[in-house]
N, C-alpha and C. Protein backbone atom coordinates (compact mmCIF):
# COMPACT_ATOMS: atom_id res chain seq x y z
N MET A 1 93.11 -57.48 -71.14
CA MET A 1 92.63 -56.60 -71.64
C MET A 1 91.87 -56.67 -72.80
N PRO A 2 90.36 -56.59 -72.78
CA PRO A 2 89.77 -56.64 -74.11
C PRO A 2 90.73 -55.54 -75.27
N HIS A 3 90.65 -56.41 -76.57
CA HIS A 3 90.76 -56.18 -77.59
C HIS A 3 90.09 -54.81 -77.73
N GLU A 4 90.59 -53.68 -78.23
CA GLU A 4 90.17 -52.54 -78.57
C GLU A 4 89.35 -52.54 -79.39
N ASP A 5 88.94 -53.37 -80.14
CA ASP A 5 88.02 -53.41 -81.35
C ASP A 5 86.78 -53.98 -80.99
N GLU A 6 86.85 -54.59 -80.00
CA GLU A 6 85.97 -55.82 -78.71
C GLU A 6 84.76 -54.28 -78.16
N PHE A 7 85.40 -53.67 -77.08
CA PHE A 7 85.36 -52.89 -76.20
C PHE A 7 86.02 -51.64 -76.46
N ASP A 8 85.46 -50.69 -75.83
CA ASP A 8 85.60 -49.29 -75.47
C ASP A 8 86.25 -49.06 -73.82
N VAL A 9 87.81 -49.13 -73.98
CA VAL A 9 87.88 -49.07 -72.21
C VAL A 9 88.82 -47.33 -72.44
N ASP A 10 88.62 -46.18 -72.76
CA ASP A 10 89.16 -45.48 -72.76
C ASP A 10 88.44 -44.96 -71.41
N PHE A 11 87.32 -45.22 -70.75
CA PHE A 11 87.02 -44.57 -69.67
C PHE A 11 88.03 -45.20 -68.45
N VAL A 12 89.20 -46.32 -68.73
CA VAL A 12 90.04 -46.73 -67.53
C VAL A 12 91.17 -45.41 -67.27
N ASN A 13 91.54 -45.20 -68.56
CA ASN A 13 92.38 -44.04 -68.65
C ASN A 13 91.52 -42.27 -68.05
N GLU A 14 90.34 -42.08 -68.43
CA GLU A 14 89.74 -41.07 -67.84
C GLU A 14 89.52 -40.94 -66.31
N PHE A 15 89.20 -42.39 -65.94
CA PHE A 15 88.78 -42.45 -64.28
C PHE A 15 89.57 -41.59 -63.16
N PHE A 16 90.94 -42.10 -63.53
CA PHE A 16 91.86 -41.65 -62.54
C PHE A 16 92.38 -40.03 -62.79
N ASP A 17 91.67 -38.71 -63.38
CA ASP A 17 91.88 -37.70 -63.99
C ASP A 17 91.36 -37.01 -62.62
N PRO A 18 92.09 -36.16 -61.72
CA PRO A 18 91.58 -35.31 -60.95
C PRO A 18 90.62 -34.14 -61.63
N GLN A 19 90.77 -33.97 -62.89
CA GLN A 19 89.99 -32.89 -63.24
C GLN A 19 88.51 -33.47 -63.82
N ARG A 20 88.03 -34.88 -63.60
CA ARG A 20 87.12 -35.32 -64.01
C ARG A 20 86.01 -35.20 -62.74
N LYS A 21 84.72 -34.77 -63.74
CA LYS A 21 83.98 -34.36 -62.82
C LYS A 21 83.23 -35.57 -62.09
N GLY A 22 82.98 -35.77 -61.07
CA GLY A 22 82.84 -37.07 -60.08
C GLY A 22 83.95 -37.70 -59.47
N TYR A 23 85.30 -37.18 -59.72
CA TYR A 23 86.44 -37.69 -59.13
C TYR A 23 86.70 -37.57 -57.60
N ASP A 24 87.00 -38.54 -57.33
CA ASP A 24 86.17 -38.71 -55.65
C ASP A 24 87.57 -39.54 -54.77
N ARG A 25 88.70 -38.33 -54.63
CA ARG A 25 89.74 -38.98 -53.96
C ARG A 25 89.75 -39.62 -52.64
N GLU A 26 88.97 -39.19 -52.12
CA GLU A 26 88.38 -39.93 -50.44
C GLU A 26 88.48 -41.31 -50.97
N ARG A 27 87.46 -41.70 -51.68
CA ARG A 27 87.08 -42.85 -51.85
C ARG A 27 88.25 -43.59 -52.42
N TYR A 28 88.90 -43.14 -53.35
CA TYR A 28 89.84 -43.86 -54.13
C TYR A 28 90.76 -44.48 -53.16
N LEU A 29 91.12 -43.29 -52.21
CA LEU A 29 92.27 -43.83 -51.24
C LEU A 29 91.84 -44.71 -50.58
N ALA A 30 90.40 -44.80 -49.96
CA ALA A 30 90.17 -45.85 -48.80
C ALA A 30 90.32 -47.16 -49.82
N ALA A 31 89.86 -46.98 -50.51
CA ALA A 31 89.70 -48.72 -51.68
C ALA A 31 91.28 -49.10 -51.64
N LEU A 32 92.19 -48.08 -52.03
CA LEU A 32 93.61 -48.35 -52.03
C LEU A 32 94.30 -48.50 -51.11
N ARG A 33 93.55 -48.47 -50.07
CA ARG A 33 94.62 -48.31 -48.36
C ARG A 33 95.03 -50.16 -48.06
N ASP A 34 96.21 -50.38 -47.40
CA ASP A 34 96.52 -51.83 -47.21
C ASP A 34 96.80 -52.61 -48.12
N PRO A 35 97.72 -51.95 -49.27
CA PRO A 35 97.86 -52.74 -50.81
C PRO A 35 98.19 -53.95 -50.12
N GLN A 36 99.18 -54.41 -49.13
CA GLN A 36 99.04 -55.71 -48.54
C GLN A 36 98.10 -56.89 -48.29
N ASP A 37 96.97 -56.22 -48.08
CA ASP A 37 95.63 -56.72 -47.43
C ASP A 37 95.09 -58.23 -48.75
N GLU A 38 95.56 -59.44 -48.70
CA GLU A 38 95.53 -60.53 -49.76
C GLU A 38 93.81 -60.53 -49.04
N THR A 39 93.14 -60.36 -47.93
CA THR A 39 91.70 -60.40 -48.00
C THR A 39 91.13 -59.60 -49.01
N ARG A 40 91.52 -58.62 -49.35
CA ARG A 40 90.98 -57.30 -50.31
C ARG A 40 91.68 -57.86 -51.77
N SER A 41 90.93 -58.67 -52.54
CA SER A 41 91.47 -58.87 -53.96
C SER A 41 91.10 -57.68 -54.77
N LEU A 42 92.04 -57.98 -55.87
CA LEU A 42 91.92 -56.76 -56.99
C LEU A 42 90.58 -56.59 -57.36
N PRO A 43 89.37 -57.68 -57.79
CA PRO A 43 88.13 -57.19 -58.29
C PRO A 43 87.72 -56.47 -57.01
N ALA A 44 87.72 -56.72 -55.81
CA ALA A 44 86.79 -56.18 -54.95
C ALA A 44 87.58 -54.69 -54.48
N ARG A 45 88.74 -54.10 -54.80
CA ARG A 45 89.28 -52.97 -54.83
C ARG A 45 88.22 -51.91 -56.05
N VAL A 46 88.61 -52.93 -57.29
CA VAL A 46 87.93 -52.27 -58.40
C VAL A 46 86.22 -51.71 -57.96
N ASN A 47 85.42 -52.52 -57.37
CA ASN A 47 84.10 -52.69 -57.06
C ASN A 47 84.48 -51.01 -56.09
N GLU A 48 85.17 -51.43 -55.11
CA GLU A 48 85.56 -49.76 -54.10
C GLU A 48 85.80 -48.54 -54.93
N LEU A 49 86.24 -48.72 -55.81
CA LEU A 49 87.04 -47.95 -56.42
C LEU A 49 85.54 -47.58 -57.18
N GLY A 50 84.81 -47.92 -57.99
CA GLY A 50 83.46 -47.75 -58.40
C GLY A 50 84.35 -47.68 -60.05
N LEU A 51 85.11 -48.16 -60.24
CA LEU A 51 85.66 -48.22 -61.91
C LEU A 51 85.24 -48.27 -63.07
N LEU A 52 83.75 -49.54 -62.81
CA LEU A 52 83.61 -50.04 -63.69
C LEU A 52 82.05 -49.85 -63.39
N ASP A 53 81.49 -48.78 -62.56
CA ASP A 53 80.42 -48.24 -62.30
C ASP A 53 79.72 -47.61 -63.77
N GLY A 54 78.32 -48.08 -64.35
CA GLY A 54 77.91 -47.43 -65.58
C GLY A 54 78.56 -48.13 -66.88
N GLN A 55 79.48 -49.44 -66.92
CA GLN A 55 79.98 -49.50 -67.62
C GLN A 55 79.03 -50.93 -68.18
N PRO A 56 79.44 -51.21 -69.52
CA PRO A 56 78.34 -52.28 -70.13
C PRO A 56 78.69 -53.52 -69.29
N ALA A 57 78.09 -54.50 -69.21
CA ALA A 57 78.15 -55.51 -68.30
C ALA A 57 79.32 -56.59 -69.14
N GLU A 58 78.81 -56.50 -70.20
CA GLU A 58 79.56 -57.31 -70.75
C GLU A 58 81.52 -56.58 -70.83
N VAL A 59 81.85 -55.57 -70.50
CA VAL A 59 82.87 -55.02 -70.31
C VAL A 59 83.50 -55.44 -69.22
N SER A 60 82.62 -55.20 -67.98
CA SER A 60 82.64 -55.14 -66.91
C SER A 60 82.98 -56.74 -66.28
N ARG A 61 82.30 -57.41 -66.80
CA ARG A 61 82.55 -59.02 -67.11
C ARG A 61 83.84 -59.71 -67.13
N VAL A 62 84.19 -59.13 -68.47
CA VAL A 62 85.56 -59.49 -68.95
C VAL A 62 86.71 -59.13 -67.98
N LEU A 63 86.89 -57.64 -67.62
CA LEU A 63 87.51 -57.20 -67.03
C LEU A 63 87.75 -57.90 -65.83
N MET A 64 86.88 -57.66 -64.80
CA MET A 64 87.14 -58.52 -63.42
C MET A 64 87.27 -59.83 -63.74
N GLU A 65 87.19 -60.75 -64.66
CA GLU A 65 87.78 -62.12 -64.94
C GLU A 65 89.21 -61.93 -64.82
N TRP A 66 89.72 -60.82 -65.74
CA TRP A 66 90.95 -60.76 -66.08
C TRP A 66 91.48 -59.86 -64.85
N PHE A 67 90.89 -59.27 -63.91
CA PHE A 67 91.80 -58.89 -62.78
C PHE A 67 91.65 -60.07 -61.75
N ALA A 68 90.99 -61.07 -61.70
CA ALA A 68 90.88 -62.30 -60.75
C ALA A 68 92.05 -62.79 -60.96
N ARG A 69 92.70 -62.92 -62.19
CA ARG A 69 93.58 -63.80 -62.90
C ARG A 69 94.98 -62.81 -62.54
N TRP A 70 95.22 -61.98 -61.95
CA TRP A 70 96.32 -61.16 -62.00
C TRP A 70 97.15 -62.21 -60.85
N PRO A 71 98.33 -62.15 -60.60
CA PRO A 71 98.94 -62.74 -59.68
C PRO A 71 99.13 -61.60 -58.68
N GLN A 72 99.18 -62.09 -56.81
CA GLN A 72 99.17 -60.89 -56.08
C GLN A 72 99.95 -60.27 -55.81
N ALA A 73 101.16 -60.40 -56.18
CA ALA A 73 102.00 -59.47 -56.46
C ALA A 73 101.69 -58.61 -57.47
N THR A 74 101.44 -58.61 -58.21
CA THR A 74 101.26 -57.64 -59.39
C THR A 74 99.94 -56.54 -59.02
N ALA A 75 98.69 -57.54 -58.00
CA ALA A 75 97.45 -57.00 -57.67
C ALA A 75 98.07 -56.07 -56.64
N VAL A 76 99.54 -56.04 -55.81
CA VAL A 76 99.48 -55.33 -55.07
C VAL A 76 100.68 -53.95 -55.53
N GLN A 77 101.26 -54.46 -56.46
CA GLN A 77 102.14 -53.31 -57.07
C GLN A 77 101.46 -52.30 -57.72
N VAL A 78 100.25 -52.69 -58.31
CA VAL A 78 99.07 -51.65 -59.29
C VAL A 78 98.47 -50.86 -58.30
N VAL A 79 98.16 -51.27 -57.16
CA VAL A 79 97.51 -50.96 -56.00
C VAL A 79 98.58 -49.97 -55.23
N VAL A 80 99.58 -50.38 -54.90
CA VAL A 80 100.48 -48.80 -54.62
C VAL A 80 100.75 -48.22 -55.74
N LEU A 81 100.93 -48.49 -56.78
CA LEU A 81 101.43 -47.13 -58.07
C LEU A 81 100.12 -46.20 -58.04
N VAL A 82 98.99 -46.83 -57.76
CA VAL A 82 97.78 -45.91 -58.05
C VAL A 82 97.53 -45.22 -56.82
N ARG A 83 97.66 -45.90 -55.67
CA ARG A 83 97.26 -44.81 -54.50
C ARG A 83 98.51 -44.17 -54.44
N ASP A 84 99.97 -43.75 -55.10
CA ASP A 84 100.83 -43.42 -54.76
C ASP A 84 100.34 -41.99 -55.67
N ALA A 85 99.82 -42.17 -56.70
CA ALA A 85 99.78 -41.23 -57.84
C ALA A 85 98.33 -40.44 -57.28
N VAL A 86 96.92 -41.38 -56.70
CA VAL A 86 96.04 -40.27 -56.27
C VAL A 86 96.29 -39.78 -55.16
N GLY A 87 97.21 -40.28 -53.98
CA GLY A 87 97.74 -39.58 -52.97
C GLY A 87 98.72 -38.84 -52.98
N SER A 88 98.78 -38.35 -53.61
CA SER A 88 100.27 -37.27 -54.13
C SER A 88 99.64 -35.95 -54.05
N ASP A 89 100.19 -34.61 -53.50
CA ASP A 89 99.99 -33.59 -53.37
C ASP A 89 100.55 -32.48 -54.47
N PRO A 90 99.53 -32.18 -55.60
CA PRO A 90 98.27 -32.50 -56.01
C PRO A 90 98.13 -33.80 -56.48
N PRO A 91 97.15 -34.58 -56.41
CA PRO A 91 96.69 -35.68 -57.15
C PRO A 91 97.41 -35.65 -58.61
N GLN A 92 97.70 -36.84 -59.03
CA GLN A 92 98.37 -36.96 -60.28
C GLN A 92 97.33 -38.04 -60.95
N ARG A 93 97.21 -37.59 -62.48
CA ARG A 93 96.66 -38.27 -62.93
C ARG A 93 97.08 -39.80 -63.47
N VAL A 94 95.88 -40.36 -63.30
CA VAL A 94 97.04 -42.15 -63.93
C VAL A 94 96.43 -42.47 -65.64
N GLU A 95 97.36 -42.86 -66.20
CA GLU A 95 97.00 -43.69 -67.06
C GLU A 95 97.62 -45.10 -67.39
N PHE A 96 96.88 -45.74 -68.23
CA PHE A 96 97.37 -46.83 -68.32
C PHE A 96 97.86 -47.68 -69.67
N VAL A 97 98.73 -48.57 -70.03
CA VAL A 97 99.27 -48.57 -71.25
C VAL A 97 99.28 -50.13 -71.20
N TYR A 98 98.56 -50.62 -72.12
CA TYR A 98 98.48 -52.42 -72.24
C TYR A 98 99.62 -52.97 -73.38
N ARG A 99 100.27 -53.80 -73.12
CA ARG A 99 100.92 -54.46 -73.82
C ARG A 99 100.64 -56.23 -73.98
N GLN A 100 100.56 -56.82 -75.02
CA GLN A 100 100.02 -58.06 -74.97
C GLN A 100 101.29 -58.84 -74.74
N THR A 101 101.56 -59.78 -74.26
CA THR A 101 102.41 -60.82 -74.20
C THR A 101 102.14 -61.71 -73.58
N ASP A 102 102.87 -63.29 -73.74
CA ASP A 102 102.54 -64.11 -73.13
C ASP A 102 102.38 -64.44 -72.19
N ALA A 103 103.03 -63.21 -71.00
CA ALA A 103 103.78 -64.17 -69.67
C ALA A 103 102.53 -63.39 -68.63
N PRO A 104 102.48 -63.83 -67.64
CA PRO A 104 101.72 -63.57 -66.98
C PRO A 104 101.43 -62.12 -66.92
N VAL A 105 100.44 -61.25 -66.04
CA VAL A 105 100.51 -60.18 -66.08
C VAL A 105 101.48 -59.22 -65.27
N GLU A 106 102.14 -58.15 -65.72
CA GLU A 106 103.49 -57.42 -64.51
C GLU A 106 102.85 -55.97 -64.84
N VAL A 107 102.83 -55.60 -64.13
CA VAL A 107 103.06 -53.93 -64.33
C VAL A 107 103.99 -53.48 -63.75
N ALA A 108 104.04 -52.23 -64.11
CA ALA A 108 105.32 -50.91 -63.93
C ALA A 108 105.04 -49.94 -64.22
N ARG A 109 105.62 -48.84 -63.54
CA ARG A 109 105.70 -47.64 -63.79
C ARG A 109 106.24 -47.09 -64.70
N ALA A 110 105.89 -46.15 -66.16
CA ALA A 110 106.92 -45.90 -66.80
C ALA A 110 108.57 -45.21 -66.24
N ASP A 111 109.13 -45.43 -66.69
CA ASP A 111 110.53 -45.36 -66.21
C ASP A 111 111.14 -43.67 -66.46
N PHE A 112 110.14 -42.73 -66.87
CA PHE A 112 110.21 -41.50 -67.19
C PHE A 112 108.96 -40.45 -66.35
N PRO A 113 109.75 -39.46 -65.55
CA PRO A 113 108.89 -38.80 -64.93
C PRO A 113 108.27 -37.75 -65.57
N THR A 114 106.59 -38.03 -65.59
CA THR A 114 105.29 -37.52 -66.23
C THR A 114 104.40 -37.16 -65.17
N ASP A 115 103.35 -36.46 -65.62
CA ASP A 115 101.87 -36.24 -65.32
C ASP A 115 101.27 -36.20 -66.49
N PRO A 116 100.46 -37.13 -66.73
CA PRO A 116 100.11 -38.15 -65.55
C PRO A 116 101.19 -39.10 -65.11
N VAL A 117 100.69 -40.13 -64.17
CA VAL A 117 101.87 -40.94 -64.07
C VAL A 117 101.25 -42.18 -65.01
N VAL A 118 102.07 -42.69 -65.88
CA VAL A 118 101.98 -44.03 -66.70
C VAL A 118 101.96 -45.27 -66.28
N ILE A 119 101.39 -46.15 -66.15
CA ILE A 119 101.43 -47.47 -65.67
C ILE A 119 101.45 -48.19 -67.06
N VAL A 120 102.24 -49.31 -67.05
CA VAL A 120 102.63 -49.91 -68.32
C VAL A 120 102.46 -51.78 -67.79
N ILE A 121 101.35 -52.55 -68.13
CA ILE A 121 100.65 -53.30 -68.04
C ILE A 121 101.16 -54.31 -69.02
N HIS A 122 102.10 -55.39 -68.71
CA HIS A 122 102.15 -56.47 -69.69
C HIS A 122 101.56 -57.86 -69.51
N GLY A 123 101.45 -58.43 -70.49
CA GLY A 123 100.74 -59.58 -69.87
C GLY A 123 99.61 -60.23 -70.73
N VAL A 124 99.34 -61.52 -70.46
CA VAL A 124 98.50 -62.01 -71.20
C VAL A 124 96.99 -61.27 -71.58
N HIS A 125 96.55 -61.75 -72.60
CA HIS A 125 95.28 -61.02 -72.88
C HIS A 125 94.17 -62.04 -72.31
N PRO A 126 93.13 -61.21 -71.92
CA PRO A 126 92.23 -62.48 -71.17
C PRO A 126 91.44 -62.89 -72.36
């Protein structure tokens, strides 16, 4: 994840808010289908979601390069977590918390029941 002083990435935590104008649940569920499908990379899914649409080119480039380096198991896990939140009835907001470490990227749902769903990302900074 880019350093906060380099880029404003708040849009990521606003994107999966069911109250956001332009929220498209069906589009998101289509992009998040078949999490185990290894032919659909995390960057490809990000494109299908439209997560980076309208963002500055430098932000998009850095994030896409970072997503491309995620281990496949981690990419599958984040797709499952987001899909479950978006597909719930009613859909739940998703927020991401990033913690920089020296280890490969890992994700987990915060272990406390909340709305929004909080997904914690630990890993190497791009």
